[in-house]
């Protein structure tokens, strides 16, 4: 059965703090370069954005696009508890139906692509169910606007609608090894999405899902998320969770890191007077009640955007430099997409690409990196490990992806 790569959570130019280039034409071009066959539209309840989506032909059941780009309707909603929910919507008619239900309960549905709605998680899940949409908590562990920031369980958040929840979006500060320490999540599919606010390759699909499904349609995607009839997720691909800006507990003013015990002893106040924000790793520790993974859980592969690997390899300060762009374009033009370069490409004998870039890609494939954890709103830092091994040689067993580069 074919596999596809999908990034199901982004935001359009109509959301706050997003690039003006988060439009259909740019997303179409950049998703193909990235190697993503299906992109969530984001913001599909915003009137202007929904009208733009409607201008696209429906190329398959619930999927819209032009040329090689394919889009499925998605939206993120913020409830009265500030919890964010991701909805994957069957088609534009159902998007209109959901919009009609929530419009009277939102003051910003047409001013922000991610609207606030005067509903709780139960009510949002009921609206999703009635429209045949899939729903799950977005970036479930983030300490500001996530399910586990305000609730202790799926049932606390979704009440009697909890059985309808079909997925959990992990977010940039968590991965499979962390999330599967909470047993109530074992039945659910884990999604890894970019939450991109910019269409460029270091943001779009910095996290993505690989699904096994017969065709790119909403019904096939639904089956894959629900793991029905052989359709299923076969890989989650994402950043190192330590890179997330809320991975560890840390002060939101000076970024000093603290253990959970230290934070409690200090009553969540830093020595500088700033607030200590609880990190994902500590929130998971509070909730953890098991170890191991359910049998259906696919591997989680930790990767990094190609442009940022090139930037580090060349020792430059920005992904927008001419040298970074030149090396990126040569590799992507040669192999067809960034994902292919990162995961599968044979990297021998490539003219015009700096040898340090080839070494760096291979080090990432082998997990030869060190991550300084993020926290308090500051992203973690990643370093490529130097050693005496010749990293111009291919790593053995590259066809068998690791479950994680950091095992418990």
Protein backbone atom coordinates (compact mmCIF):
# COMPACT_ATOMS: atom_id res chain seq x y z
CA UNK A 1 0.00 0.00 0.00
CA UNK A 2 1.38 3.47 -0.83
CA UNK A 3 2.66 5.84 1.85
CA UNK A 4 2.25 9.61 1.98
CA UNK A 5 3.74 12.38 4.09
CA UNK A 6 1.26 14.77 5.71
CA UNK A 7 1.52 17.95 7.78
CA UNK A 8 -1.95 18.47 9.19
CA UNK A 9 -1.54 21.59 11.34
CA UNK A 10 -0.43 24.91 9.90
CA UNK A 11 -1.81 28.45 9.92
CA UNK A 12 -2.78 30.73 7.06
CA UNK A 13 -1.94 34.38 6.52
CA UNK A 14 -5.18 35.15 8.37
CA UNK A 15 -3.84 33.96 11.73
CA UNK A 16 -1.98 36.21 14.13
CA UNK A 17 1.82 36.42 13.76
CA UNK A 18 2.01 34.54 10.47
CA UNK A 19 3.80 35.24 7.22
CA UNK A 20 1.87 37.00 4.49
CA UNK A 21 3.13 34.23 2.22
CA UNK A 22 1.01 31.61 3.95
CA UNK A 23 -1.22 31.47 0.91
CA UNK A 24 -2.42 28.65 -1.31
CA UNK A 25 0.05 29.17 -4.21
CA UNK A 26 3.12 29.42 -1.96
CA UNK A 27 2.09 26.50 0.24
CA UNK A 28 1.49 24.43 -2.88
CA UNK A 29 4.97 25.07 -4.25
CA UNK A 30 6.79 24.72 -0.94
CA UNK A 31 4.99 21.54 0.16
CA UNK A 32 6.12 19.79 -3.03
CA UNK A 33 9.72 20.92 -2.47
CA UNK A 34 9.53 19.67 1.09
CA UNK A 35 8.17 16.26 0.05
CA UNK A 36 4.75 16.57 1.67
CA UNK A 37 1.86 15.10 -0.30
CA UNK A 38 -0.96 16.37 1.95
CA UNK A 39 -1.16 19.65 3.88
CA UNK A 40 -3.81 20.75 6.33
CA UNK A 41 -5.18 24.13 5.35
CA UNK A 42 -5.46 25.44 8.89
CA UNK A 43 -7.90 28.24 9.70
CA UNK A 44 -10.70 26.78 7.55
CA UNK A 45 -13.45 28.60 9.47
CA UNK A 46 -12.09 32.04 8.56
CA UNK A 47 -14.40 33.42 5.88
CA UNK A 48 -11.75 34.78 3.52
CA UNK A 49 -9.53 31.70 3.84
CA UNK A 50 -12.46 29.33 3.37
CA UNK A 51 -13.43 31.23 0.22
CA UNK A 52 -9.88 30.80 -1.10
CA UNK A 53 -10.04 27.07 -0.36
CA UNK A 54 -13.37 26.89 -2.19
CA UNK A 55 -11.72 28.33 -5.29
CA UNK A 56 -9.63 25.16 -5.57
CA UNK A 57 -11.03 22.14 -7.38
CA UNK A 58 -11.96 19.14 -5.25
CA UNK A 59 -9.51 16.68 -6.80
CA UNK A 60 -10.54 13.77 -4.58
CA UNK A 61 -13.08 13.12 -1.83
CA UNK A 62 -12.49 15.93 0.70
CA UNK A 63 -9.13 16.93 -0.81
CA UNK A 64 -8.55 20.14 -2.73
CA UNK A 65 -5.64 21.22 -4.85
CA UNK A 66 -3.99 22.27 -8.03
CA UNK A 67 -1.08 20.68 -9.88
CA UNK A 68 0.76 18.46 -7.35
CA UNK A 69 -0.38 20.19 -4.16
CA UNK A 70 -3.10 18.60 -2.03
CA UNK A 71 -4.97 20.15 0.91
CA UNK A 72 -7.37 18.80 3.53
CA UNK A 73 -9.43 21.20 5.64
CA UNK A 74 -8.24 21.75 9.20
CA UNK A 75 -8.74 24.30 11.95
CA UNK A 76 -7.48 24.94 15.48
CA UNK A 77 -9.99 26.24 18.04
CA UNK A 78 -9.34 27.69 21.49
CA UNK A 79 -11.98 26.84 24.10
CA UNK A 80 -13.05 28.67 27.26
CA UNK A 81 -10.27 26.97 29.24
CA UNK A 82 -7.68 28.18 26.69
CA UNK A 83 -7.20 24.59 25.49
CA UNK A 84 -6.48 24.24 21.77
CA UNK A 85 -8.21 21.57 19.68
CA UNK A 86 -7.33 20.43 16.16
CA UNK A 87 -10.17 19.48 13.81
CA UNK A 88 -9.72 17.67 10.49
CA UNK A 89 -12.83 18.41 8.43
CA UNK A 90 -14.37 16.20 5.69
CA UNK A 91 -15.02 18.93 3.09
CA UNK A 92 -15.98 22.57 2.56
CA UNK A 93 -19.67 21.90 3.18
CA UNK A 94 -18.86 20.49 6.62
CA UNK A 95 -16.54 23.45 7.27
CA UNK A 96 -19.49 25.75 6.58
CA UNK A 97 -21.61 23.65 8.94
CA UNK A 98 -19.05 23.95 11.75
CA UNK A 99 -18.62 27.65 11.08
CA UNK A 100 -22.37 28.19 11.35
CA UNK A 101 -22.37 26.39 14.72
CA UNK A 102 -19.49 28.35 16.28
CA UNK A 103 -19.82 31.79 14.64
CA UNK A 104 -22.34 33.13 17.21
CA UNK A 105 -19.96 31.96 19.96
CA UNK A 106 -16.79 33.62 18.68
CA UNK A 107 -15.86 37.29 18.65
CA UNK A 108 -12.84 36.80 16.38
CA UNK A 109 -13.79 34.10 13.88
CA UNK A 110 -13.07 36.47 10.99
CA UNK A 111 -10.17 38.37 12.53
CA UNK A 112 -8.00 35.43 13.60
CA UNK A 113 -7.65 32.14 11.78
CA UNK A 114 -7.41 30.35 15.12
CA UNK A 115 -10.60 31.63 16.77
CA UNK A 116 -11.59 31.66 20.41
CA UNK A 117 -14.98 30.04 20.95
CA UNK A 118 -17.24 30.24 23.97
CA UNK A 119 -17.40 26.46 24.23
CA UNK A 120 -15.68 23.80 26.31
CA UNK A 121 -13.92 20.71 25.01
CA UNK A 122 -17.04 18.56 25.28
CA UNK A 123 -19.11 20.97 23.19
CA UNK A 124 -16.41 21.35 20.53
CA UNK A 125 -16.10 17.56 20.27
CA UNK A 126 -19.88 17.27 19.85
CA UNK A 127 -19.82 19.78 16.99
CA UNK A 128 -16.93 17.89 15.38
CA UNK A 129 -18.77 14.58 15.71
CA UNK A 130 -21.96 15.97 14.21
CA UNK A 131 -19.97 17.20 11.19
CA UNK A 132 -18.03 13.94 10.82
CA UNK A 133 -14.75 15.72 11.62
CA UNK A 134 -11.82 14.17 13.43
CA UNK A 135 -10.74 15.94 16.61
CA UNK A 136 -7.93 15.77 19.14
CA UNK A 137 -5.99 18.03 21.49
CA UNK A 138 -3.43 20.22 19.73
CA UNK A 139 0.15 20.23 21.09
CA UNK A 140 -1.29 18.41 24.09
CA UNK A 141 1.55 19.05 26.54
CA UNK A 142 2.39 22.71 25.93
CA UNK A 143 2.12 24.55 29.28
CA UNK A 144 0.15 27.54 28.01
CA UNK A 145 -2.72 26.39 25.77
CA UNK A 146 -2.92 22.61 25.90
CA UNK A 147 -5.04 19.85 27.36
CA UNK A 148 -2.53 18.76 29.99
CA UNK A 149 -1.91 22.36 31.03
CA UNK A 150 -5.49 22.64 32.30
CA UNK A 151 -6.73 19.05 32.63
CA UNK A 152 -5.50 15.85 34.21
CA UNK A 153 -7.10 13.52 31.69
CA UNK A 154 -8.91 13.15 28.40
CA UNK A 155 -12.14 12.69 30.32
CA UNK A 156 -11.60 15.90 32.27
CA UNK A 157 -11.23 17.76 28.97
CA UNK A 158 -13.79 15.97 26.79
CA UNK A 159 -16.19 14.35 29.27
CA UNK A 160 -18.41 11.70 27.71
CA UNK A 161 -17.00 12.65 24.29
CA UNK A 162 -13.56 11.29 25.23
CA UNK A 163 -14.16 8.00 23.35
CA UNK A 164 -14.69 10.01 20.15
CA UNK A 165 -11.20 11.55 20.36
CA UNK A 166 -9.05 9.75 17.80
CA UNK A 167 -5.63 11.40 18.01
CA UNK A 168 -3.28 13.46 20.13
CA UNK A 169 -0.98 16.01 18.54
CA UNK A 170 2.33 15.76 20.40
CA UNK A 171 3.73 19.24 19.77
CA UNK A 172 7.36 20.26 19.36
CA UNK A 173 8.33 19.65 23.01
CA UNK A 174 7.15 16.03 23.18
CA UNK A 175 7.70 12.78 21.33
CA UNK A 176 6.38 9.23 21.37
CA UNK A 177 8.63 8.06 24.21
CA UNK A 178 7.32 10.81 26.48
CA UNK A 179 3.65 10.60 25.52
CA UNK A 180 3.41 6.82 25.78
CA UNK A 181 4.30 7.01 29.47
CA UNK A 182 0.64 8.02 29.95
CA UNK A 183 -1.54 4.92 29.54
CA UNK A 184 -4.77 6.74 28.61
CA UNK A 185 -3.06 7.84 25.39
CA UNK A 186 -2.13 4.34 24.24
CA UNK A 187 -5.30 3.78 22.22
CA UNK A 188 -4.84 7.04 20.30
CA UNK A 189 -2.88 7.81 17.16
CA UNK A 190 -0.09 10.31 17.69
CA UNK A 191 0.22 13.14 15.18
CA UNK A 192 3.36 15.16 14.57
CA UNK A 193 2.67 18.42 12.75
CA UNK A 194 4.59 21.63 12.20
CA UNK A 195 2.10 24.26 13.44
CA UNK A 196 3.91 26.38 10.83
CA UNK A 197 3.38 30.13 10.64
CA UNK A 198 5.73 30.43 7.66
CA UNK A 199 5.83 28.41 4.41
CA UNK A 200 9.60 28.08 4.21
CA UNK A 201 11.26 24.66 4.53
CA UNK A 202 12.68 25.19 8.02
CA UNK A 203 9.11 25.69 9.31
CA UNK A 204 6.66 23.88 7.03
CA UNK A 205 6.64 20.15 7.87
CA UNK A 206 9.44 20.48 10.42
CA UNK A 207 7.31 17.72 11.93
CA UNK A 208 5.14 15.46 9.78
CA UNK A 209 3.35 12.11 9.64
CA UNK A 210 3.88 9.23 7.25
CA UNK A 211 0.65 7.32 6.59
CA UNK A 212 -0.02 4.08 4.73
CA UNK A 213 -3.19 4.66 2.69
CA UNK A 214 -4.54 3.74 -0.73
CA UNK A 215 -5.20 7.25 -2.01
CA UNK A 216 -5.10 10.87 -0.86
CA UNK A 217 -8.71 11.40 0.23
CA UNK A 218 -10.39 12.37 3.48
CA UNK A 219 -11.95 8.89 3.96
CA UNK A 220 -8.52 7.27 3.49
CA UNK A 221 -6.91 9.73 5.93
CA UNK A 222 -9.67 9.04 8.44
CA UNK A 223 -9.04 5.30 8.13
CA UNK A 224 -5.30 5.85 8.59
CA UNK A 225 -5.78 7.91 11.75
CA UNK A 226 -8.29 5.38 13.09
CA UNK A 227 -6.04 2.50 11.93
CA UNK A 228 -8.72 0.69 9.91
CA UNK A 229 -8.41 -1.77 7.00
CA UNK A 230 -4.62 -1.71 6.92
CA UNK A 231 -4.46 2.06 6.72
CA UNK A 232 -2.29 3.44 9.51
CA UNK A 233 0.52 5.78 10.50
CA UNK A 234 3.87 4.13 9.77
CA UNK A 235 6.18 6.84 11.09
CA UNK A 236 6.16 10.04 13.08
CA UNK A 237 8.92 12.45 12.12
CA UNK A 238 9.78 15.39 14.30
CA UNK A 239 12.32 17.55 16.03
CA UNK A 240 14.20 16.35 19.06
CA UNK A 241 11.74 17.00 21.89
CA UNK A 242 14.56 18.60 23.88
CA UNK A 243 14.59 21.39 21.29
CA UNK A 244 11.08 22.47 22.25
CA UNK A 245 10.92 25.77 24.07
CA UNK A 246 8.91 24.25 26.91
CA UNK A 247 10.68 20.90 27.22
CA UNK A 248 12.11 21.48 30.70
CA UNK A 249 10.82 23.65 33.53
CA UNK A 250 12.49 27.05 33.37
CA UNK A 251 12.07 30.72 34.20
CA UNK A 252 10.20 32.65 31.53
CA UNK A 253 12.31 35.75 32.28
CA UNK A 254 15.93 34.57 32.60
CA UNK A 255 15.52 30.97 31.31
CA UNK A 256 17.20 29.37 34.33
CA UNK A 257 16.26 25.67 34.36
CA UNK A 258 14.93 23.85 37.39
CA UNK A 259 14.02 20.29 38.29
CA UNK A 260 10.44 19.58 39.26
CA UNK A 261 11.46 19.27 42.92
CA UNK A 262 13.34 22.57 42.82
CA UNK A 263 10.41 24.31 41.16
CA UNK A 264 7.97 23.11 43.81
CA UNK A 265 10.33 24.10 46.63
CA UNK A 266 10.63 27.58 45.14
CA UNK A 267 6.85 27.82 44.66
CA UNK A 268 7.45 28.21 40.92
CA UNK A 269 9.29 31.51 41.36
CA UNK A 270 12.81 31.96 40.02
CA UNK A 271 15.58 33.62 42.02
CA UNK A 272 15.29 36.55 39.59
CA UNK A 273 11.62 36.97 40.49
CA UNK A 274 10.32 35.55 37.23
CA UNK A 275 7.79 32.75 36.91
CA UNK A 276 9.00 29.19 36.44
CA UNK A 277 6.93 27.54 33.71
CA UNK A 278 6.43 23.81 34.10
CA UNK A 279 8.10 21.88 31.30
CA UNK A 280 6.62 19.07 29.26
CA UNK A 281 9.02 16.51 30.68
CA UNK A 282 7.90 17.35 34.24
CA UNK A 283 4.21 17.38 33.33
CA UNK A 284 4.62 13.95 31.79
CA UNK A 285 6.46 12.77 34.90
CA UNK A 286 3.47 13.85 37.01
CA UNK A 287 1.09 11.89 34.78
CA UNK A 288 3.28 8.88 33.94
CA UNK A 289 1.79 5.54 34.95
CA UNK A 290 3.37 3.09 32.51
CA UNK A 291 6.35 2.33 30.30
CA UNK A 292 6.69 0.99 26.80
CA UNK A 293 4.64 1.46 23.66
CA UNK A 294 1.42 -0.14 22.40
CA UNK A 295 1.89 -2.57 19.53
CA UNK A 296 0.33 -0.21 16.98
CA UNK A 297 2.73 2.67 17.69
CA UNK A 298 5.00 3.42 14.70
CA UNK A 299 8.64 4.51 14.96
CA UNK A 300 9.43 8.11 15.80
CA UNK A 301 12.32 9.51 13.81
CA UNK A 302 14.05 12.62 15.13
CA UNK A 303 15.19 14.92 12.35
CA UNK A 304 16.00 18.57 11.73
CA UNK A 305 15.19 20.91 8.82
CA UNK A 306 17.74 20.55 6.02
CA UNK A 307 18.46 24.28 5.81
CA UNK A 308 19.38 24.35 9.50
CA UNK A 309 21.64 21.30 9.14
CA UNK A 310 23.38 23.07 6.25
CA UNK A 311 23.66 26.28 8.29
CA UNK A 312 25.38 24.44 11.15
CA UNK A 313 27.63 22.48 8.81
CA UNK A 314 28.83 25.65 7.09
CA UNK A 315 29.22 27.60 10.33
CA UNK A 316 27.02 30.50 9.24
CA UNK A 317 24.47 32.40 11.30
CA UNK A 318 21.36 32.21 9.13
CA UNK A 319 19.44 29.84 6.89
CA UNK A 320 18.94 32.67 4.41
CA UNK A 321 22.59 33.05 3.38
CA UNK A 322 23.55 32.44 -0.24
CA UNK A 323 25.72 29.42 0.66
CA UNK A 324 22.92 27.72 2.57
CA UNK A 325 20.40 28.34 -0.20
CA UNK A 326 22.82 27.09 -2.87
CA UNK A 327 23.56 23.80 -1.09
CA UNK A 328 19.86 23.30 -0.27
CA UNK A 329 18.76 23.91 -3.86
CA UNK A 330 21.35 21.53 -5.33
CA UNK A 331 20.26 18.71 -3.02
CA UNK A 332 16.51 19.26 -3.42
CA UNK A 333 16.74 19.69 -7.19
CA UNK A 334 18.76 16.48 -7.44
CA UNK A 335 16.59 14.28 -5.21
CA UNK A 336 13.19 15.91 -5.67
CA UNK A 337 12.37 16.92 -2.11
CA UNK A 338 13.88 17.79 1.26
CA UNK A 339 12.34 14.74 2.93
CA UNK A 340 14.06 12.44 0.43
CA UNK A 341 17.39 14.14 1.10
CA UNK A 342 16.99 13.79 4.86
CA UNK A 343 15.69 10.22 4.98
CA UNK A 344 16.64 8.22 1.92
CA UNK A 345 19.02 9.81 -0.59
CA UNK A 346 22.35 8.21 -1.47
CA UNK A 347 24.74 11.06 -0.80
CA UNK A 348 27.90 9.90 -2.57
CA UNK A 349 29.55 11.94 -5.31
CA UNK A 350 27.33 15.02 -5.32
CA UNK A 351 28.99 17.91 -7.10
CA UNK A 352 28.59 21.42 -5.75
CA UNK A 353 27.60 20.42 -2.21
CA UNK A 354 30.05 21.12 0.59
CA UNK A 355 31.43 17.88 2.06
CA UNK A 356 30.71 19.21 5.56
CA UNK A 357 27.02 19.27 4.63
CA UNK A 358 27.09 15.61 3.60
CA UNK A 359 28.84 14.70 6.85
CA UNK A 360 26.27 16.64 8.86
CA UNK A 361 23.29 14.93 7.20
CA UNK A 362 24.83 11.54 7.95
CA UNK A 363 25.48 12.47 11.55
CA UNK A 364 21.83 13.41 11.96
CA UNK A 365 20.76 10.11 10.43
CA UNK A 366 22.93 8.28 12.97
CA UNK A 367 21.87 10.42 15.91
CA UNK A 368 25.34 11.88 16.44
CA UNK A 369 24.06 15.10 17.93
CA UNK A 370 23.79 16.67 21.35
CA UNK A 371 20.77 18.71 22.40
CA UNK A 372 20.83 21.40 25.08
CA UNK A 373 17.21 21.35 26.28
CA UNK A 374 14.88 24.30 25.88
CA UNK A 375 12.58 25.71 28.51
CA UNK A 376 10.73 28.78 29.68
CA UNK A 377 9.95 29.82 26.11
CA UNK A 378 13.51 29.48 24.80
CA UNK A 379 14.22 26.82 22.17
CA UNK A 380 16.85 24.20 22.85
CA UNK A 381 20.13 24.17 20.98
CA UNK A 382 21.48 21.33 18.90
CA UNK A 383 25.12 20.52 18.23
CA UNK A 384 26.65 18.07 15.78
CA UNK A 385 29.06 15.74 17.57
CA UNK A 386 32.59 15.56 16.24
CA UNK A 387 34.53 12.29 16.41
CA UNK A 388 37.21 10.33 14.66
CA UNK A 389 34.80 8.19 12.61
CA UNK A 390 34.68 8.96 8.90
CA UNK A 391 31.14 10.23 8.43
CA UNK A 392 31.53 10.32 4.68
CA UNK A 393 30.77 6.59 4.86
CA UNK A 394 27.13 5.56 4.94
CA UNK A 395 25.75 4.33 8.25
CA UNK A 396 24.80 0.63 8.37
CA UNK A 397 21.18 -0.50 8.44
CA UNK A 398 19.80 2.83 7.25
CA UNK A 399 16.72 1.08 5.89
CA UNK A 400 15.59 0.29 9.45
CA UNK A 401 14.62 3.54 11.20
CA UNK A 402 15.22 3.87 14.92
CA UNK A 403 12.21 4.02 17.19
CA UNK A 404 13.92 6.94 18.91
CA UNK A 405 17.40 8.33 19.13
CA UNK A 406 16.90 8.68 22.88
CA UNK A 407 15.65 5.47 24.47
CA UNK A 408 14.36 5.24 28.04
